[in-house]
Protein backbone atom coordinates (compact mmCIF):
# COMPACT_ATOMS: atom_id res chain seq x y z
CA MET A 1 -6.94 -12.25 -33.38
CA LEU A 2 -10.10 -12.70 -30.74
CA LEU A 3 -9.96 -11.03 -27.91
CA HIS A 4 -12.28 -11.65 -24.96
CA THR A 5 -12.19 -11.11 -20.57
CA GLN A 6 -13.51 -13.67 -18.39
CA LYS A 7 -16.28 -11.40 -17.66
CA ASP A 8 -17.34 -11.33 -21.68
CA SER A 9 -17.17 -15.01 -21.64
CA TYR A 10 -19.92 -14.92 -18.21
CA GLU A 11 -22.18 -12.40 -19.46
CA LYS A 12 -22.15 -15.16 -23.13
CA LEU A 13 -23.58 -17.95 -20.69
CA SER A 14 -27.16 -18.13 -20.26
CA GLN A 15 -29.32 -17.65 -17.16
CA LYS A 16 -28.86 -21.68 -16.40
CA ASN A 17 -25.39 -21.54 -16.85
CA LYS A 18 -24.82 -18.60 -15.21
CA LEU A 19 -26.14 -20.04 -11.74
CA ILE A 20 -24.10 -23.82 -12.51
CA PHE A 21 -21.01 -20.81 -12.59
CA LEU A 22 -21.93 -19.40 -9.76
CA ALA A 23 -22.71 -22.19 -7.46
CA GLY A 24 -19.19 -23.76 -8.21
CA VAL A 25 -18.04 -20.46 -7.21
CA PHE A 26 -20.04 -20.49 -3.84
CA ASP A 27 -19.31 -24.20 -3.52
CA GLY A 28 -15.73 -23.35 -3.25
CA GLU A 29 -15.50 -19.55 -1.50
CA GLY A 30 -18.85 -19.57 -0.26
CA SER A 31 -20.44 -19.66 3.53
CA SER A 32 -23.65 -20.45 4.62
CA GLY A 33 -25.15 -21.20 7.87
CA ILE A 34 -27.37 -20.36 11.01
CA TRP A 35 -26.08 -17.01 11.56
CA SER A 36 -27.48 -14.21 14.24
CA SER A 37 -26.82 -11.00 14.25
CA GLY A 38 -26.29 -10.29 18.29
CA ARG A 39 -26.61 -11.77 21.65
CA GLY A 40 -30.37 -12.67 22.32
CA ARG A 41 -32.06 -11.91 18.71
CA SER A 42 -33.14 -14.27 16.02
CA ARG A 43 -30.94 -17.03 14.32
CA ARG A 44 -31.35 -17.17 10.23
CA PHE A 45 -30.05 -18.66 7.66
CA GLY A 46 -27.85 -16.59 5.88
CA MET A 47 -25.27 -16.71 3.02
CA THR A 48 -22.23 -14.87 2.05
CA VAL A 49 -19.18 -14.58 -0.73
CA GLU A 50 -16.32 -12.53 0.15
CA THR A 51 -13.09 -12.18 -1.93
CA SER A 52 -10.66 -9.15 -3.41
CA ASP A 53 -12.31 -9.76 -7.14
CA LYS A 54 -14.71 -7.08 -7.11
CA ASP A 55 -16.59 -9.01 -9.93
CA MET A 56 -17.05 -11.97 -8.96
CA VAL A 57 -19.19 -10.53 -5.73
CA LYS A 58 -20.96 -8.25 -7.65
CA ARG A 59 -21.98 -11.32 -9.74
CA PHE A 60 -24.14 -12.87 -6.59
CA HIS A 61 -25.82 -9.32 -6.06
CA THR A 62 -26.67 -9.20 -9.79
CA MET A 63 -28.08 -12.65 -9.70
CA PHE A 64 -29.84 -13.25 -6.61
CA GLY A 65 -29.77 -9.39 -4.87
CA GLY A 66 -28.87 -9.11 -0.88
CA SER A 67 -26.13 -6.85 0.04
CA PHE A 68 -22.54 -6.03 -1.46
CA PHE A 69 -19.98 -4.13 -0.12
CA LEU A 70 -16.73 -3.42 0.36
CA CYS A 71 -14.52 -4.88 3.41
CA PRO A 72 -11.46 -2.67 4.03
CA ALA A 73 -8.33 -4.76 4.71
CA ARG A 74 -8.06 -5.98 8.01
CA GLN A 75 -4.13 -6.07 8.82
CA LYS A 76 -2.11 -3.93 6.68
CA HIS A 77 -0.60 -6.38 4.26
CA HIS A 78 -4.35 -7.54 3.40
CA LYS A 79 -6.10 -6.24 0.40
CA ASP A 80 -9.30 -5.15 0.56
CA THR A 81 -11.77 -7.54 0.23
CA TRP A 82 -16.11 -7.39 -1.46
CA ARG A 83 -18.56 -9.39 -0.13
CA TRP A 84 -22.33 -10.26 -0.83
CA ARG A 85 -24.89 -11.45 1.69
CA VAL A 86 -28.14 -12.74 1.89
CA VAL A 87 -30.09 -13.87 4.32
CA GLY A 88 -33.89 -15.37 5.52
CA ASP A 89 -36.55 -16.30 2.73
CA ARG A 90 -34.17 -15.20 0.14
CA ALA A 91 -30.98 -17.09 0.94
CA TYR A 92 -33.31 -20.38 0.77
CA GLU A 93 -34.06 -18.99 -2.39
CA CYS A 94 -31.04 -18.58 -3.53
CA MET A 95 -29.66 -21.81 -2.13
CA ASP A 96 -32.67 -23.76 -3.56
CA LYS A 97 -31.94 -22.51 -7.10
CA MET A 98 -28.06 -23.64 -6.76
CA ILE A 99 -27.76 -26.42 -4.49
CA SER A 100 -28.30 -29.13 -6.80
CA TYR A 101 -25.10 -28.04 -8.58
CA MET A 102 -23.43 -28.18 -5.45
CA CYS A 103 -21.26 -30.87 -4.27
CA LEU A 104 -22.53 -33.46 -1.36
CA ARG A 105 -20.77 -31.83 1.51
CA ARG A 106 -22.56 -28.93 0.54
CA GLN A 107 -25.70 -30.34 0.37
CA GLU A 108 -25.49 -32.18 3.55
CA LYS A 109 -24.15 -28.96 5.23
CA TYR A 110 -27.61 -27.64 3.76
CA ASN A 111 -29.99 -30.03 5.32
CA VAL A 112 -28.57 -30.31 8.29
CA ASP A 113 -29.04 -26.07 8.93
CA THR A 114 -32.02 -26.15 7.63
CA SER A 115 -33.46 -29.18 9.84
CA ASN A 116 -32.28 -26.96 13.14
CA ILE A 117 -34.61 -24.06 11.81
CA THR A 118 -38.36 -25.04 12.94
CA SER A 119 -39.41 -23.32 9.51
CA LYS A 120 -38.60 -21.71 6.24
């Protein structure tokens, strides 16, 4: 009897297939846009994934860097979640690697978002 976990299956993927897998997860669960860190601050391109699946979020951190942290439950009946976030040049690099594997809607959104910033 062959037993393996999803994590084992992921670890056996090539780098390209890991990238394709993460692009699919981001396509469904991720968020990207031009964000500011507060009033009057500069706006930068950023990407984030937040879910209660720590291993999934950790995969983004391992592949792309950025920050990876726990978000305590917002309400008593909610679960704790984990968030990966990347901003600025690193976010552009990350998105440039994944964008061709994402749906047309994400590709179009990325093109609109980046056209609103004068330089990458």
